[in-house]
Each structure stands twice: as C-alpha cells, then as structure tokens.
C-alpha cells in the first residue's frame, strides 16, 4: 500500500500580485473583521484611481460559464482580495502582524476520520500530483473490494447539478488519497 502524500496547503496571496484573475478561487474580507471563501474572480478593473476585482459566488460563476451569460458581480477593492494559492506561493510582501491581518492558510484534512465530505471541496492525490476543483458526492463507504471509497465529480458538474438538475458523472476514488480543503 502506498502511503498517501498530503496536498500542499492553500495559502492566501494578495490578488495584487497577479495580473489575470479570471476564474481563480479567491477569498475576500476585511482584516480585523473576517473573511469569506468559495468565491471566483474576474480580471481586475480600474475605476478612477482604484482597482477593483469583480467577485462571484462559485455557483454564479459556474452558471455564467455554463450558460454563457453575464452575471452580476460585486466589485471588491483589490486590497481586500486574496487568491487561494496551492503549494509554494509567491511570497507576499505584506507583513503579517496579527491573526486577522489576512485569511489563514488552509491545511487539507484527510477525508478518513472526518464527518461526511458530501459537497465539500476535495483534493485527490494522483501519481503525478494532485487534482483540485472537485467535490465529494457521497460519504465514505466501503466498496465491494472492502476499501473505503468516496465518489467525486468536477466542480462544474457539481454546480450544473444544482442549477439544471443534470446528474453528474462520478468517479469512485480511494478515500485514503482524498483530502478536504
């Protein structure tokens, strides 16, 4: 049996360090107050002397992509937006002086031993790395071979299921190689 490798954590990196943001997973918030994730960005726009990031919920983002429609986006000042960066991140030049100065780094948790992963963003370990942007659609169960398993689908299919009722194509994976983000 191969020992599972832990995926790299999701490190919040200021959006100002990126040129293109379209489709990236982001976190918004106000340091000292709190943060919100499960959002997607569009490319920054400049209005007057300020730069803003158009922000959509993931569900609205996928609906707009699926139906090729325009969607209402909240304009958030770029200094309140962080990109979820997996792995070795481009180091921020912003000093961190307190716990709420920026969103915390999100360390993945093994699916085994957690509550039901249904609907959660998960990371699958594969021989050449990790697959992200997938969702768990079942709890952990024991398959016919006696192995703990979870069925997963791509995030676009997950949101298509919610928006249009299209049952996603699922893949059964070994739960020991699956992590909750």
Foldseek 3Di string as FASTA:
>chain_A
DDQADFWFWFDWAQPVVDQFFAFFWKKFDDQPPDIDTQKGWGGWDDDDHFIWIFIDHVLQSLVCVVVVHDDHTDTHGSRRMTTGDTDDDPDYPDDDDDDRRDDDTGGWAQLPPDPFQAQFWKWFADPVHIDGQKGWHGGFDQDPVRATKTKMFGNSQVSCCVVPVDHGDIDIDGSSRMIGD
